Protein backbone atom coordinates (compact mmCIF):
# COMPACT_ATOMS: atom_id res chain seq x y z
CA MET A 1 17.42 14.05 -60.54
CA ASN A 2 16.38 12.46 -63.85
CA SER A 3 12.58 12.60 -64.16
CA ASN A 4 12.52 9.16 -65.83
CA PHE A 5 14.19 7.73 -62.76
CA ARG A 6 11.47 9.26 -60.57
CA VAL A 7 8.73 7.83 -62.76
CA ARG A 8 10.32 4.39 -62.69
CA ASN A 9 10.61 4.46 -58.88
CA PHE A 10 7.03 5.66 -58.56
CA VAL A 11 5.76 2.83 -60.76
CA LEU A 12 7.82 0.19 -58.93
CA ILE A 13 6.69 1.41 -55.49
CA SER A 14 3.05 1.60 -56.61
CA VAL A 15 3.08 -1.93 -58.01
CA ALA A 16 4.76 -3.22 -54.83
CA LEU A 17 2.10 -1.58 -52.64
CA TYR A 18 -0.63 -2.88 -54.92
CA LEU A 19 0.77 -6.40 -54.65
CA VAL A 20 1.00 -6.21 -50.83
CA LEU A 21 -2.58 -4.94 -50.55
CA SER A 22 -3.77 -7.67 -52.92
CA LEU A 23 -2.08 -10.36 -50.83
CA ILE A 24 -3.60 -8.95 -47.65
CA ALA A 25 -7.04 -8.76 -49.28
CA GLY A 26 -6.80 -12.35 -50.47
CA TYR A 27 -5.62 -13.70 -47.14
CA PHE A 28 -8.07 -11.84 -44.93
CA ASN A 29 -10.96 -11.83 -47.43
CA TRP A 30 -11.41 -8.05 -47.28
CA PRO A 31 -14.31 -7.20 -49.59
CA ASP A 32 -13.28 -3.53 -49.98
CA LEU A 33 -10.10 -4.67 -51.77
CA ARG A 34 -11.52 -7.73 -53.48
CA ARG A 35 -12.31 -5.91 -56.72
CA VAL A 36 -8.80 -4.58 -57.17
CA ASN A 37 -6.96 -7.77 -56.31
CA LEU A 38 -3.85 -8.25 -58.43
CA VAL A 39 -3.50 -11.88 -57.33
CA ALA A 40 -7.13 -13.02 -57.26
CA ASN A 41 -6.21 -16.09 -59.30
CA VAL A 42 -4.01 -17.29 -56.46
CA PHE A 43 -6.98 -17.46 -54.13
CA THR A 44 -9.45 -18.98 -56.58
CA SER A 45 -7.26 -21.44 -58.44
CA GLY A 46 -7.49 -25.15 -57.78
CA ASN A 47 -11.29 -25.15 -57.34
CA PRO A 48 -12.91 -27.26 -60.08
CA ASP A 49 -16.08 -25.59 -61.24
CA SER A 50 -19.12 -26.60 -63.20
CA THR A 51 -21.10 -23.42 -62.84
CA GLY A 52 -18.35 -20.93 -63.63
CA ILE A 53 -17.84 -19.63 -60.07
CA ALA A 54 -14.08 -20.09 -60.20
CA ALA A 55 -13.65 -19.94 -63.95
CA THR A 56 -12.31 -16.39 -63.95
CA SER A 57 -10.78 -13.91 -61.56
CA ASP A 58 -12.94 -11.17 -63.11
CA THR A 59 -15.40 -10.36 -60.33
CA THR A 60 -17.64 -8.47 -62.74
CA ALA A 61 -18.11 -11.51 -65.00
CA PRO A 62 -21.52 -13.19 -64.68
CA ILE A 63 -21.72 -16.59 -63.02
CA VAL A 64 -22.59 -19.15 -65.68
CA ILE A 65 -24.91 -21.95 -64.60
CA GLN A 66 -24.29 -25.21 -66.40
CA LYS A 67 -27.60 -26.69 -67.57
CA ILE A 68 -28.20 -30.31 -66.61
CA ALA A 69 -31.27 -32.12 -67.91
CA SER A 70 -32.35 -33.44 -64.50
CA LYS A 71 -31.72 -30.14 -62.72
CA ASP A 72 -33.72 -26.91 -62.50
CA PHE A 73 -31.59 -24.10 -61.09
CA ASN A 74 -34.54 -21.69 -60.99
CA LEU A 75 -36.07 -23.69 -58.15
CA TYR A 76 -33.96 -21.51 -55.86
CA LYS A 77 -36.52 -18.72 -56.36
CA ARG A 78 -39.34 -20.74 -54.78
CA ALA A 79 -40.58 -19.85 -51.29
CA ASN A 80 -41.14 -22.55 -48.66
CA LEU A 81 -39.08 -25.06 -50.64
CA ILE A 82 -36.00 -27.03 -49.69
CA THR A 83 -34.45 -27.95 -53.03
CA SER A 84 -31.57 -29.99 -54.38
CA PHE A 85 -32.37 -28.42 -57.78
CA ASN A 86 -33.81 -31.76 -58.88
CA SER A 87 -36.49 -31.04 -61.48
CA ASP A 88 -38.53 -33.89 -59.97
CA THR A 89 -39.80 -32.02 -56.91
CA THR A 90 -41.69 -35.07 -55.58
CA LYS A 91 -38.44 -36.51 -54.22
CA PRO A 92 -36.92 -35.39 -50.91
CA SER A 93 -33.88 -33.15 -51.16
CA LEU A 94 -32.51 -33.86 -47.68
CA TYR A 95 -32.69 -37.56 -48.50
CA SER A 96 -30.18 -38.92 -45.97
CA PHE A 97 -31.43 -36.65 -43.20
CA VAL A 98 -35.15 -37.42 -43.63
CA GLN A 99 -34.37 -41.16 -43.76
CA LYS A 100 -32.80 -40.80 -40.32
CA LEU A 101 -35.85 -38.85 -39.14
CA HIS A 102 -38.04 -41.69 -40.39
CA GLU A 103 -35.98 -44.23 -38.44
CA LEU A 104 -36.28 -42.12 -35.31
CA LYS A 105 -40.02 -41.69 -35.79
CA SER A 106 -40.35 -45.46 -36.30
CA GLY A 107 -38.91 -46.14 -32.86
CA LYS A 108 -35.21 -46.60 -33.49
CA LYS A 109 -33.11 -45.13 -30.70
CA ARG A 110 -30.61 -42.82 -32.28
CA LYS A 111 -29.28 -39.30 -31.93
CA ILE A 112 -29.66 -36.84 -34.81
CA ARG A 113 -27.54 -33.70 -34.60
CA ILE A 114 -28.20 -30.47 -36.46
CA GLY A 115 -25.49 -27.80 -36.57
CA TYR A 116 -26.98 -24.37 -37.29
CA PHE A 117 -24.24 -21.97 -38.49
CA GLY A 118 -25.00 -18.28 -38.85
CA ASP A 119 -24.31 -14.65 -38.07
CA SER A 120 -26.24 -12.22 -35.86
CA MET A 121 -29.51 -13.37 -37.46
CA ILE A 122 -29.39 -16.40 -35.12
CA GLU A 123 -27.65 -14.70 -32.20
CA GLY A 124 -29.15 -15.52 -28.83
CA ASP A 125 -30.41 -18.84 -30.26
CA LEU A 126 -33.03 -16.97 -32.29
CA LEU A 127 -34.62 -19.07 -35.03
CA SER A 128 -32.60 -22.13 -34.01
CA GLN A 129 -34.45 -22.30 -30.67
CA THR A 130 -37.75 -22.53 -32.54
CA LEU A 131 -36.42 -25.19 -34.89
CA ARG A 132 -35.09 -27.16 -31.89
CA LYS A 133 -38.39 -26.98 -30.00
CA LEU A 134 -40.45 -28.05 -33.02
CA MET A 135 -38.09 -30.82 -34.13
CA GLN A 136 -37.81 -32.27 -30.61
CA GLY A 137 -41.59 -32.02 -30.23
CA GLU A 138 -42.10 -33.98 -33.46
CA PHE A 139 -39.27 -36.52 -33.26
CA GLY A 140 -38.20 -36.58 -29.60
CA GLY A 141 -35.03 -35.54 -27.86
CA ALA A 142 -34.11 -33.07 -25.15
CA GLY A 143 -31.33 -30.63 -24.36
CA VAL A 144 -30.18 -27.29 -25.66
CA GLY A 145 -27.08 -28.74 -27.30
CA PHE A 146 -23.87 -26.74 -27.48
CA VAL A 147 -23.25 -23.64 -25.33
CA PRO A 148 -19.87 -21.83 -25.54
CA VAL A 149 -17.80 -20.91 -22.51
CA SER A 150 -18.83 -17.26 -22.76
CA THR A 151 -20.76 -15.04 -25.13
CA PRO A 152 -21.46 -11.29 -25.35
CA ASN A 153 -25.22 -11.88 -25.51
CA ALA A 154 -25.59 -14.32 -22.62
CA GLY A 155 -28.27 -12.23 -20.92
CA SER A 156 -30.52 -12.15 -23.98
CA ARG A 157 -30.61 -15.89 -24.66
CA ALA A 158 -33.86 -17.40 -23.36
CA THR A 159 -32.88 -21.06 -23.74
CA VAL A 160 -30.12 -21.00 -21.10
CA ILE A 161 -29.07 -19.15 -17.97
CA HIS A 162 -25.40 -18.54 -18.65
CA THR A 163 -22.82 -16.98 -16.32
CA PHE A 164 -19.02 -17.02 -16.37
CA SER A 165 -15.93 -15.45 -14.86
CA ASN A 166 -14.23 -12.54 -16.62
CA GLY A 167 -10.74 -14.01 -16.92
CA TRP A 168 -11.24 -16.29 -19.92
CA GLU A 169 -8.87 -15.69 -22.83
CA ASP A 170 -10.96 -15.78 -26.00
CA GLU A 171 -9.31 -16.64 -29.32
CA ASN A 172 -11.81 -16.15 -32.12
CA PHE A 173 -12.43 -15.27 -35.76
CA LYS A 174 -11.87 -11.57 -35.08
CA GLU A 175 -9.17 -11.49 -32.38
CA ASN A 176 -6.01 -13.36 -31.29
CA SER A 177 -5.25 -14.52 -34.76
CA ARG A 178 -4.41 -18.25 -34.48
CA LYS A 179 -7.50 -19.60 -36.24
CA ASP A 180 -6.58 -23.08 -37.42
CA ASN A 181 -7.99 -24.88 -34.36
CA LEU A 182 -10.92 -22.65 -33.49
CA TYR A 183 -14.09 -24.56 -32.74
CA LEU A 184 -17.20 -24.44 -34.93
CA SER A 185 -18.44 -21.53 -32.82
CA GLY A 186 -15.46 -19.47 -34.03
CA HIS A 187 -14.01 -19.41 -30.51
CA THR A 188 -11.44 -21.21 -28.37
CA PHE A 189 -11.14 -20.34 -24.68
CA HIS A 190 -8.30 -20.70 -22.17
CA GLY A 191 -8.87 -20.41 -18.45
CA ASN A 192 -6.63 -19.96 -15.43
CA ASP A 193 -8.80 -20.39 -12.34
CA ASP A 194 -11.85 -19.51 -14.45
CA TRP A 195 -15.35 -20.98 -14.52
CA PHE A 196 -18.62 -21.00 -16.42
CA ARG A 197 -22.10 -22.18 -15.45
CA VAL A 198 -24.96 -23.11 -17.76
CA LYS A 199 -28.53 -23.99 -16.88
CA ASP A 200 -30.57 -25.52 -19.70
CA GLN A 201 -34.01 -23.89 -19.86
CA THR A 202 -35.34 -26.04 -22.71
CA VAL A 203 -35.87 -29.31 -20.81
CA LYS A 204 -39.48 -29.56 -19.61
CA ASP A 205 -39.49 -33.21 -18.53
CA SER A 206 -37.99 -33.34 -15.04
CA SER A 207 -37.26 -37.05 -15.43
CA ALA A 208 -35.25 -36.65 -18.65
CA ILE A 209 -31.66 -37.90 -18.42
CA ILE A 210 -29.34 -35.26 -19.88
CA GLU A 211 -25.67 -35.88 -20.58
CA LYS A 212 -23.49 -32.83 -19.88
CA SER A 213 -20.22 -33.07 -21.83
CA LEU A 214 -17.17 -30.83 -21.91
CA LEU A 215 -15.93 -30.09 -25.43
CA CYS A 216 -12.23 -29.27 -25.50
CA GLY A 217 -8.94 -29.63 -27.34
CA THR A 218 -5.81 -31.49 -26.36
CA SER A 219 -3.53 -31.08 -23.38
CA GLY A 220 -0.18 -32.72 -22.79
CA ASN A 221 -1.23 -33.98 -19.37
CA ALA A 222 -4.22 -35.17 -17.41
CA VAL A 223 -6.26 -32.16 -16.34
CA THR A 224 -8.16 -31.65 -13.11
CA VAL A 225 -11.43 -29.77 -13.48
CA MET A 226 -14.02 -28.81 -10.90
CA VAL A 227 -17.51 -30.00 -11.77
CA ASP A 228 -20.18 -28.52 -9.52
CA GLY A 229 -17.57 -28.13 -6.81
CA THR A 230 -16.16 -31.67 -7.09
CA SER A 231 -12.70 -32.43 -8.45
CA GLN A 232 -12.61 -34.60 -11.57
CA THR A 233 -9.61 -35.72 -13.64
CA ILE A 234 -10.00 -35.81 -17.40
CA HIS A 235 -7.65 -37.04 -20.14
CA PRO A 236 -7.99 -34.85 -23.25
CA VAL A 237 -5.67 -36.80 -25.54
CA GLY A 238 -7.22 -36.14 -28.96
CA ILE A 239 -7.05 -32.92 -30.92
CA PHE A 240 -10.79 -32.77 -30.22
CA ASN A 241 -12.41 -34.31 -27.13
CA ARG A 242 -15.98 -34.81 -26.01
CA ILE A 243 -15.81 -35.72 -22.33
CA PRO A 244 -19.02 -36.67 -20.45
CA LEU A 245 -19.02 -35.08 -16.99
CA ARG A 246 -22.53 -35.82 -15.71
CA ASN A 247 -25.41 -37.97 -16.96
CA ASP A 248 -28.46 -37.38 -14.81
CA VAL A 249 -31.68 -35.35 -14.51
CA SER A 250 -29.84 -32.16 -13.58
CA THR A 251 -30.21 -29.36 -16.12
CA ALA A 252 -27.31 -27.24 -14.85
CA ILE A 253 -23.56 -27.59 -14.56
CA LYS A 254 -20.68 -25.43 -13.35
CA ILE A 255 -17.21 -26.15 -14.72
CA ALA A 256 -13.99 -24.57 -13.42
CA ILE A 257 -10.67 -24.82 -15.27
CA ASN A 258 -7.26 -24.10 -13.81
CA ASP A 259 -5.06 -25.12 -16.73
CA GLU A 260 -4.53 -22.42 -19.34
CA SER A 261 -2.93 -24.91 -21.75
CA LEU A 262 -6.28 -26.64 -22.29
CA PRO A 263 -8.33 -25.28 -25.21
CA VAL A 264 -11.95 -25.20 -24.01
CA TYR A 265 -14.90 -24.81 -26.38
CA GLY A 266 -17.98 -25.22 -24.20
CA VAL A 267 -20.49 -27.72 -22.88
CA SER A 268 -23.24 -29.73 -24.54
CA PHE A 269 -26.60 -30.81 -23.07
CA GLU A 270 -27.98 -33.86 -24.89
CA SER A 271 -30.43 -36.70 -24.42
CA ALA A 272 -29.28 -40.18 -25.47
CA SER A 273 -31.74 -40.27 -28.37
CA GLY A 274 -33.64 -37.74 -30.45
CA ILE A 275 -32.94 -34.36 -32.03
CA ILE A 276 -30.11 -32.09 -30.88
CA VAL A 277 -29.73 -28.61 -32.42
CA ASP A 278 -26.45 -26.73 -31.86
CA ASN A 279 -26.41 -22.97 -32.42
CA PHE A 280 -23.10 -21.69 -33.86
CA THR A 281 -23.50 -17.95 -34.16
CA PHE A 282 -20.79 -15.37 -34.73
CA ARG A 283 -21.73 -11.75 -35.27
CA GLY A 284 -20.50 -9.91 -38.36
CA ILE A 285 -19.10 -12.80 -40.43
CA THR A 286 -19.98 -14.19 -43.87
CA GLY A 287 -19.03 -17.87 -43.48
CA VAL A 288 -15.75 -17.67 -45.38
CA GLU A 289 -13.93 -17.63 -42.04
CA TYR A 290 -14.25 -21.43 -41.83
CA ASN A 291 -11.72 -21.75 -44.62
CA LYS A 292 -8.96 -20.91 -42.12
CA ILE A 293 -9.75 -23.79 -39.74
CA ASP A 294 -7.47 -26.79 -40.17
CA SER A 295 -9.07 -29.63 -42.15
CA ASN A 296 -7.71 -32.35 -39.83
CA PHE A 297 -9.17 -30.57 -36.83
CA LEU A 298 -12.57 -30.30 -38.53
CA LYS A 299 -12.47 -34.01 -39.35
CA ALA A 300 -11.65 -34.78 -35.71
CA VAL A 301 -14.67 -32.74 -34.63
CA ALA A 302 -16.83 -34.64 -37.14
CA GLU A 303 -15.59 -37.93 -35.75
CA GLY A 304 -16.17 -37.02 -32.10
CA ASN A 305 -19.29 -34.91 -32.58
CA PRO A 306 -20.93 -35.95 -35.88
CA TYR A 307 -23.69 -33.98 -37.59
CA ASP A 308 -26.53 -35.27 -39.71
CA LEU A 309 -27.57 -31.86 -41.03
CA ILE A 310 -25.56 -28.65 -41.30
CA ILE A 311 -27.49 -25.43 -41.92
CA PHE A 312 -25.36 -22.61 -43.31
CA GLN A 313 -27.07 -19.21 -43.04
CA TYR A 314 -25.13 -16.07 -43.98
CA GLY A 315 -25.43 -13.09 -46.29
CA VAL A 316 -26.77 -10.08 -44.44
CA ASN A 317 -23.24 -8.84 -43.65
CA LEU A 318 -22.35 -8.88 -47.33
CA MET A 319 -24.85 -6.08 -47.94
CA PHE A 320 -23.08 -3.41 -45.92
CA ARG A 321 -23.23 -0.81 -48.73
CA PRO A 322 -26.64 0.14 -50.13
CA ASN A 323 -25.69 0.25 -53.80
CA ASP A 324 -23.62 -2.92 -54.11
CA MET A 325 -24.93 -5.16 -56.88
CA ASN A 326 -22.01 -7.48 -57.63
CA PHE A 327 -21.24 -10.34 -55.24
CA ASN A 328 -19.32 -12.65 -57.55
CA TRP A 329 -16.18 -12.00 -55.49
CA TYR A 330 -18.00 -13.65 -52.55
CA ALA A 331 -18.77 -16.75 -54.59
CA LYS A 332 -15.08 -17.22 -55.31
CA ILE A 333 -13.92 -16.95 -51.70
CA ALA A 334 -16.88 -18.81 -50.16
CA LEU A 335 -16.52 -21.81 -52.46
CA PRO A 336 -13.44 -23.33 -50.75
CA ALA A 337 -14.93 -22.76 -47.27
CA ILE A 338 -18.12 -24.64 -48.17
CA LYS A 339 -16.16 -27.43 -49.82
CA LYS A 340 -13.96 -27.74 -46.74
CA LEU A 341 -16.93 -28.09 -44.37
CA LYS A 342 -18.64 -30.58 -46.66
CA ALA A 343 -15.47 -32.66 -46.93
CA ALA A 344 -15.00 -32.64 -43.15
CA PHE A 345 -18.62 -33.70 -42.46
CA PRO A 346 -19.38 -36.10 -45.34
CA GLN A 347 -22.18 -37.84 -43.44
CA ALA A 348 -24.16 -34.60 -43.08
CA ASP A 349 -26.65 -33.17 -45.53
CA PHE A 350 -25.60 -29.56 -46.19
CA LEU A 351 -28.42 -27.00 -46.34
CA MET A 352 -27.48 -23.51 -47.50
CA THR A 353 -30.05 -20.81 -46.85
CA SER A 354 -30.27 -17.44 -48.53
CA THR A 355 -30.00 -14.20 -46.66
CA ALA A 356 -33.21 -12.82 -45.23
CA ASP A 357 -34.36 -9.40 -46.39
CA ARG A 358 -32.34 -6.27 -45.61
CA ALA A 359 -33.38 -2.69 -46.41
CA PHE A 360 -31.65 0.66 -46.92
CA ASN A 361 -32.93 4.22 -47.15
CA TYR A 362 -33.27 5.14 -50.82
CA GLY A 363 -34.52 8.70 -51.38
CA GLY A 364 -36.16 8.89 -47.97
CA GLU A 365 -37.90 5.49 -48.16
CA TYR A 366 -36.69 2.14 -46.85
CA LYS A 367 -36.59 -0.59 -49.49
CA SER A 368 -34.86 -3.94 -49.97
CA ALA A 369 -31.18 -3.67 -50.88
CA VAL A 370 -30.87 -3.21 -54.64
CA GLY A 371 -28.40 -6.08 -54.87
CA ILE A 372 -30.34 -8.65 -52.85
CA ASP A 373 -31.60 -10.63 -55.86
CA THR A 374 -28.05 -10.88 -57.21
CA LEU A 375 -26.67 -12.02 -53.86
CA ILE A 376 -29.32 -14.72 -53.48
CA LYS A 377 -28.56 -16.02 -56.97
CA VAL A 378 -24.88 -16.17 -56.03
CA GLN A 379 -25.74 -18.07 -52.84
CA ALA A 380 -27.91 -20.48 -54.82
CA SER A 381 -25.12 -20.99 -57.34
CA LEU A 382 -22.78 -21.93 -54.48
CA ALA A 383 -25.27 -24.57 -53.35
CA TYR A 384 -25.66 -25.80 -56.94
CA GLU A 385 -21.90 -25.87 -57.49
CA THR A 386 -21.13 -27.82 -54.31
CA GLY A 387 -24.00 -30.32 -54.49
CA SER A 388 -25.67 -28.70 -51.48
CA ILE A 389 -29.34 -28.14 -50.72
CA PHE A 390 -30.89 -24.65 -50.87
CA TYR A 391 -33.65 -22.80 -49.03
CA ASN A 392 -34.77 -19.25 -49.79
CA HIS A 393 -35.36 -17.31 -46.55
CA PHE A 394 -35.92 -14.09 -48.47
CA GLU A 395 -38.82 -15.31 -50.60
CA THR A 396 -40.29 -17.33 -47.74
CA MET A 397 -40.52 -14.27 -45.46
CA GLY A 398 -42.30 -12.30 -48.18
CA GLY A 399 -39.73 -11.17 -50.74
CA HIS A 400 -39.02 -7.55 -51.53
CA ASP A 401 -39.54 -5.06 -48.68
CA ALA A 402 -40.62 -7.83 -46.29
CA ILE A 403 -38.30 -6.52 -43.56
CA VAL A 404 -39.91 -3.07 -43.90
CA ARG A 405 -43.38 -4.56 -43.51
CA TRP A 406 -42.21 -6.68 -40.59
CA ALA A 407 -40.75 -3.66 -38.80
CA ALA A 408 -44.00 -1.71 -39.32
CA ALA A 409 -46.28 -4.54 -38.17
CA THR A 410 -48.20 -4.42 -34.89
CA PRO A 411 -46.70 -6.03 -32.93
CA SER A 412 -43.44 -5.60 -34.83
CA LEU A 413 -41.63 -8.61 -36.26
CA ALA A 414 -38.31 -6.86 -36.98
CA ASN A 415 -36.09 -4.13 -35.57
CA LYS A 416 -36.02 -0.68 -37.10
CA ASP A 417 -32.46 -1.31 -38.28
CA TYR A 418 -34.22 -3.11 -41.16
CA VAL A 419 -31.71 -5.93 -40.81
CA HIS A 420 -32.73 -8.17 -37.91
CA PRO A 421 -36.06 -9.87 -37.26
CA ASN A 422 -36.85 -9.63 -33.56
CA ALA A 423 -37.76 -12.62 -31.38
CA ARG A 424 -41.29 -12.76 -32.83
CA GLY A 425 -40.03 -12.56 -36.40
CA ALA A 426 -37.29 -15.13 -35.78
CA ASP A 427 -39.91 -17.46 -34.32
CA ILE A 428 -41.91 -17.14 -37.56
CA LEU A 429 -38.79 -17.87 -39.64
CA GLY A 430 -38.11 -20.91 -37.44
CA HIS A 431 -41.65 -22.20 -38.03
CA TYR A 432 -41.27 -21.65 -41.78
CA LEU A 433 -38.02 -23.62 -41.87
CA PHE A 434 -39.50 -26.44 -39.80
CA GLU A 435 -42.50 -26.62 -42.13
CA ALA A 436 -40.20 -26.78 -45.17
CA ILE A 437 -38.22 -29.63 -43.56
CA MET A 438 -41.45 -31.47 -42.79
CA LYS A 439 -42.62 -31.08 -46.40
CA ASP A 440 -39.35 -32.64 -47.49
CA TYR A 441 -39.74 -35.38 -44.86
CA HIS A 442 -43.21 -36.32 -46.07
CA LYS A 443 -41.89 -36.69 -49.65
CA LEU A 444 -39.97 -39.77 -48.43
CA ASN A 445 -43.14 -41.86 -48.64
CA HIS A 446 -43.42 -41.13 -52.37
CA THR A 447 -40.02 -42.69 -53.05
CA LYS A 448 -40.83 -46.08 -51.58
């Protein structure tokens, strides 16, 4: 056979395979293939940029921060600071949110919802449970907020007692690949003679009236559910539905579903007024997964279950290799996901937080990941680019090698995986975040 013919076939086959892998990498956001993506422009085009995040498909090119006279990008490096990058740091950054807090504190009856999105750093309601307790203590409110139908860490969550049957079908970010109508938790459940029971452990006032609502998708028909053993007919007609089931002093509810066509997300425990904090944790993700959820569905959720503050905490799963120092590829794929969430929840202030510290073994000694400063700058640039607010967890917990010091402390504040703060450490991080929010809240008086 002619050798030129073989070479031509080899080249054509190689390019075809390269193209297929590039398309797969772009669609599924696989970081291992991101740096050799033949069609990166396809997945980053159409995103207007002012900072240079989407200006080039070259993932090794530096992110260029556009200088604006009234802005100070370097504020992202400050510990204990919630910043909108406004060079005048006497003004609140979470302006809309702290105004609502002021109204609540002044006696106006209103509900303020916080959606806390994150990975395993907030699994088991860690960190968010502290923020909830402190915010409700300061501004009022009761109830644990959202609890999914089932979760792999149900036994380790202190804020609820959570049990469920084993037959639930779980569609989620990682399995059963229809992802366009997954809920904010990253899950959608279907049950056929299945049940779940949740007891809220956060409510200390036995006279508090708590609304227990089923959160679900649409069904073509009226659906009969069992609520604490009593039959109840519901009419889930919207693509997202929030259906009150009980409104009394009870802090527990058991819900049974015998209609597998009904998408079920979970239950929410909420007082009529005050602060509600929903924990949306999904282990092992980076936040870009939200780009696959349908925009109209997200807008329906925002209409039926509005948020006043969204906290977006990811990053630790991006540092899965000890020597990685370039995370510009993440900026390009995270940008549309953040823009989508912000567009769906326009009434919410959007607070992006940096990753906390993570350490690897370098030459026999655990130290902070060599790329952590670069990653945090990329995360800050995403906040800057999208008009979001930023908070630096890493600097606030102590900066370089903080996770090593926390793991070695007595008693320890972090696990010896040098990735996850334990319950004590997460409680400290929750206090730090609350204190930063309160500092921003008290700045409101200086603007009047």
